[in-house]
């Protein structure tokens, strides 16, 4: 997979990683999708990682990869002319997932609250204020219901509807890249 980018070797590439953290229904996925579209439009190679607190199925019964997993494979990879995927039986640390994305410019991570990467915190209500104690808070995005928190926030704060300003703040924090 990584050999498609011969000018960037995995050992010397570290993408800019930005975590989007917030509680359920705080807008993480919506904002992630908006940022991906803007980053792609600007020419960045973008990856995403999603932490899911629940079980999920990316495969379905009857496929070859499903049979491999059902037989006990700890990890299964699949590749075709239109894409590739790696399925693992157990959880993987964020560092392992990011290792597969070293050839990218930017990786947006939903969740993994305790990881040490820069964070964009989404605050839906005043009760979410504890998220501001997370390490490496970089930006905050506030829902109208949490507007009362704004004076106490020590990082730049944006309203949920300020898509352009949020995107510009993220762009400003991405290190210059070699092109």
Foldseek 3Di string as FASTA:
>chain_A
DVVVQVVFDLVPFDAAEEEEEDDPPLCLVVLVVLLVVVCVVVPFFEAEAEDDPDDDDPDDPPDPQVVVVVVPDQKDKDDDPVGIDIDGPDDDDPVVVSSVVRSGHYYYYYDPQQDAHAYEYRAEACVRVVSLPGHRDAEYEYEPRHVVCVVVRPHHYHYPPPSVVVSVSVVVPRDDDDD
